[in-house]
Amino acid sequence: MENENIYFTKKNYFMILAGIVVFVLGYIIMSGGNPEDPSDYSDEIFNFRRITLAPFIVIAGYVIVLFGIIKNFKPEITSEETETPTKK
C-alpha cells in the first residue's frame, strides 16, 4: 500500500543531507590549531578561518537543514496520474 500523503520528497532529503555535509565541513574547518607542546602559545587558533568563517559555515548548514525540513516541494506527477478517465 502506497501512502499518498508523504511530506518529504527526494529534494527534501537531498537538502537535509547537503545541510549535514555543510555543517560537518564547518566543524572540520573549525578544528585544529593546537601546538605540538601544550605549554606553547599558538596564534593559529585565533585566525580568520576558525573564528569567523567556520561558524558561518556551521550556521549555514543548520539553516539548509531547517529549510529542507520546512520547504514543501511538490511531488513529481507521473503520466499515469495525469491521464483522465474516458467516458463510456
C-alpha atoms as a PDB file:
ATOM      1  CA  MET A   1       0.000   0.000   0.000  1.00  0.00           C
ATOM      2  CA  GLU A   2       1.457   3.311  -1.086  1.00  0.00           C
ATOM      3  CA  ASN A   3       0.987   6.352   1.119  1.00  0.00           C
ATOM      4  CA  GLU A   4      -0.144   9.382  -0.895  1.00  0.00           C
ATOM      5  CA  ASN A   5       0.417  11.908   1.927  1.00  0.00           C
ATOM      6  CA  ILE A   6       4.206  11.765   2.146  1.00  0.00           C
ATOM      7  CA  TYR A   7       5.522  15.124   3.258  1.00  0.00           C
ATOM      8  CA  PHE A   8       9.201  14.709   2.370  1.00  0.00           C
ATOM      9  CA  THR A   9      10.231  14.268  -1.226  1.00  0.00           C
ATOM     10  CA  LYS A  10      13.639  13.344  -2.609  1.00  0.00           C
ATOM     11  CA  LYS A  11      14.500  17.040  -2.802  1.00  0.00           C
ATOM     12  CA  ASN A  12      13.829  17.435   0.936  1.00  0.00           C
ATOM     13  CA  TYR A  13      16.085  14.513   1.787  1.00  0.00           C
ATOM     14  CA  PHE A  14      18.775  15.850  -0.562  1.00  0.00           C
ATOM     15  CA  MET A  15      18.655  19.296   1.098  1.00  0.00           C
ATOM     16  CA  ILE A  16      18.827  17.776   4.581  1.00  0.00           C
ATOM     17  CA  LEU A  17      21.801  15.641   3.581  1.00  0.00           C
ATOM     18  CA  ALA A  18      23.511  18.634   1.928  1.00  0.00           C
ATOM     19  CA  GLY A  19      22.995  20.701   5.088  1.00  0.00           C
ATOM     20  CA  ILE A  20      24.519  17.950   7.221  1.00  0.00           C
ATOM     21  CA  VAL A  21      27.541  17.817   4.915  1.00  0.00           C
ATOM     22  CA  VAL A  22      27.919  21.613   5.103  1.00  0.00           C
ATOM     23  CA  PHE A  23      27.857  21.835   8.890  1.00  0.00           C
ATOM     24  CA  VAL A  24      30.190  18.848   9.292  1.00  0.00           C
ATOM     25  CA  LEU A  25      32.562  20.637   6.898  1.00  0.00           C
ATOM     26  CA  GLY A  26      32.278  23.742   9.093  1.00  0.00           C
ATOM     27  CA  TYR A  27      33.223  21.763  12.187  1.00  0.00           C
ATOM     28  CA  ILE A  28      36.181  20.237  10.343  1.00  0.00           C
ATOM     29  CA  ILE A  29      37.373  23.711   9.304  1.00  0.00           C
ATOM     30  CA  MET A  30      36.986  24.888  12.907  1.00  0.00           C
ATOM     31  CA  SER A  31      39.135  22.091  14.339  1.00  0.00           C
ATOM     32  CA  GLY A  32      42.898  22.131  14.756  1.00  0.00           C
ATOM     33  CA  GLY A  33      45.306  24.868  15.725  1.00  0.00           C
ATOM     34  CA  ASN A  34      46.837  23.046  18.672  1.00  0.00           C
ATOM     35  CA  PRO A  35      50.585  23.493  19.128  1.00  0.00           C
ATOM     36  CA  GLU A  36      52.902  20.489  19.434  1.00  0.00           C
ATOM     37  CA  ASP A  37      53.771  21.388  23.024  1.00  0.00           C
ATOM     38  CA  PRO A  38      50.745  22.256  25.216  1.00  0.00           C
ATOM     39  CA  SER A  39      52.772  24.840  27.130  1.00  0.00           C
ATOM     40  CA  ASP A  40      53.441  26.838  23.939  1.00  0.00           C
ATOM     41  CA  TYR A  41      51.110  29.603  22.822  1.00  0.00           C
ATOM     42  CA  SER A  42      49.796  29.449  19.261  1.00  0.00           C
ATOM     43  CA  ASP A  43      48.161  32.329  17.400  1.00  0.00           C
ATOM     44  CA  GLU A  44      46.807  29.825  14.910  1.00  0.00           C
ATOM     45  CA  ILE A  45      43.681  29.168  16.998  1.00  0.00           C
ATOM     46  CA  PHE A  46      42.632  32.804  16.529  1.00  0.00           C
ATOM     47  CA  ASN A  47      42.882  33.047  12.743  1.00  0.00           C
ATOM     48  CA  PHE A  48      40.058  34.143  10.440  1.00  0.00           C
ATOM     49  CA  ARG A  49      39.203  30.624   9.321  1.00  0.00           C
ATOM     50  CA  ARG A  50      38.478  29.281  12.814  1.00  0.00           C
ATOM     51  CA  ILE A  51      36.957  32.358  14.422  1.00  0.00           C
ATOM     52  CA  THR A  52      34.837  33.816  11.602  1.00  0.00           C
ATOM     53  CA  LEU A  53      34.476  31.577   8.570  1.00  0.00           C
ATOM     54  CA  ALA A  54      33.790  28.206  10.217  1.00  0.00           C
ATOM     55  CA  PRO A  55      30.944  29.410  12.482  1.00  0.00           C
ATOM     56  CA  PHE A  56      29.196  30.977   9.492  1.00  0.00           C
ATOM     57  CA  ILE A  57      29.527  27.709   7.557  1.00  0.00           C
ATOM     58  CA  VAL A  58      28.113  25.743  10.509  1.00  0.00           C
ATOM     59  CA  ILE A  59      25.149  28.109  10.847  1.00  0.00           C
ATOM     60  CA  ALA A  60      24.549  27.963   7.082  1.00  0.00           C
ATOM     61  CA  GLY A  61      24.469  24.164   7.300  1.00  0.00           C
ATOM     62  CA  TYR A  62      21.843  24.276  10.050  1.00  0.00           C
ATOM     63  CA  VAL A  63      19.777  26.762   8.001  1.00  0.00           C
ATOM     64  CA  ILE A  64      19.943  24.441   4.971  1.00  0.00           C
ATOM     65  CA  VAL A  65      18.751  21.514   7.114  1.00  0.00           C
ATOM     66  CA  LEU A  66      15.926  23.634   8.518  1.00  0.00           C
ATOM     67  CA  PHE A  67      14.949  24.788   5.033  1.00  0.00           C
ATOM     68  CA  GLY A  68      14.991  21.159   3.845  1.00  0.00           C
ATOM     69  CA  ILE A  69      12.593  20.212   6.621  1.00  0.00           C
ATOM     70  CA  ILE A  70      10.223  23.154   6.236  1.00  0.00           C
ATOM     71  CA  LYS A  71      10.129  23.522   2.431  1.00  0.00           C
ATOM     72  CA  ASN A  72       7.180  21.754   0.816  1.00  0.00           C
ATOM     73  CA  PHE A  73       8.242  20.591  -2.631  1.00  0.00           C
ATOM     74  CA  LYS A  74       5.501  19.382  -4.957  1.00  0.00           C
ATOM     75  CA  PRO A  75       5.708  15.633  -5.556  1.00  0.00           C
ATOM     76  CA  GLU A  76       6.509  14.617  -9.102  1.00  0.00           C
ATOM     77  CA  ILE A  77       3.436  13.628 -11.091  1.00  0.00           C
ATOM     78  CA  THR A  78       3.757  10.649 -13.359  1.00  0.00           C
ATOM     79  CA  SER A  79       1.964  10.327 -16.692  1.00  0.00           C
ATOM     80  CA  GLU A  80      -0.342   7.650 -15.261  1.00  0.00           C
ATOM     81  CA  GLU A  81      -1.683  10.074 -12.659  1.00  0.00           C
ATOM     82  CA  THR A  82      -2.394  12.818 -15.211  1.00  0.00           C
ATOM     83  CA  GLU A  83      -4.470  10.687 -17.560  1.00  0.00           C
ATOM     84  CA  THR A  84      -8.150  11.493 -17.389  1.00  0.00           C
ATOM     85  CA  PRO A  85     -10.656   8.687 -17.440  1.00  0.00           C
ATOM     86  CA  THR A  86     -12.619   8.368 -20.671  1.00  0.00           C
ATOM     87  CA  LYS A  87     -16.403   8.449 -20.711  1.00  0.00           C
ATOM     88  CA  LYS A  88     -18.175   5.264 -21.702  1.00  0.00           C
END
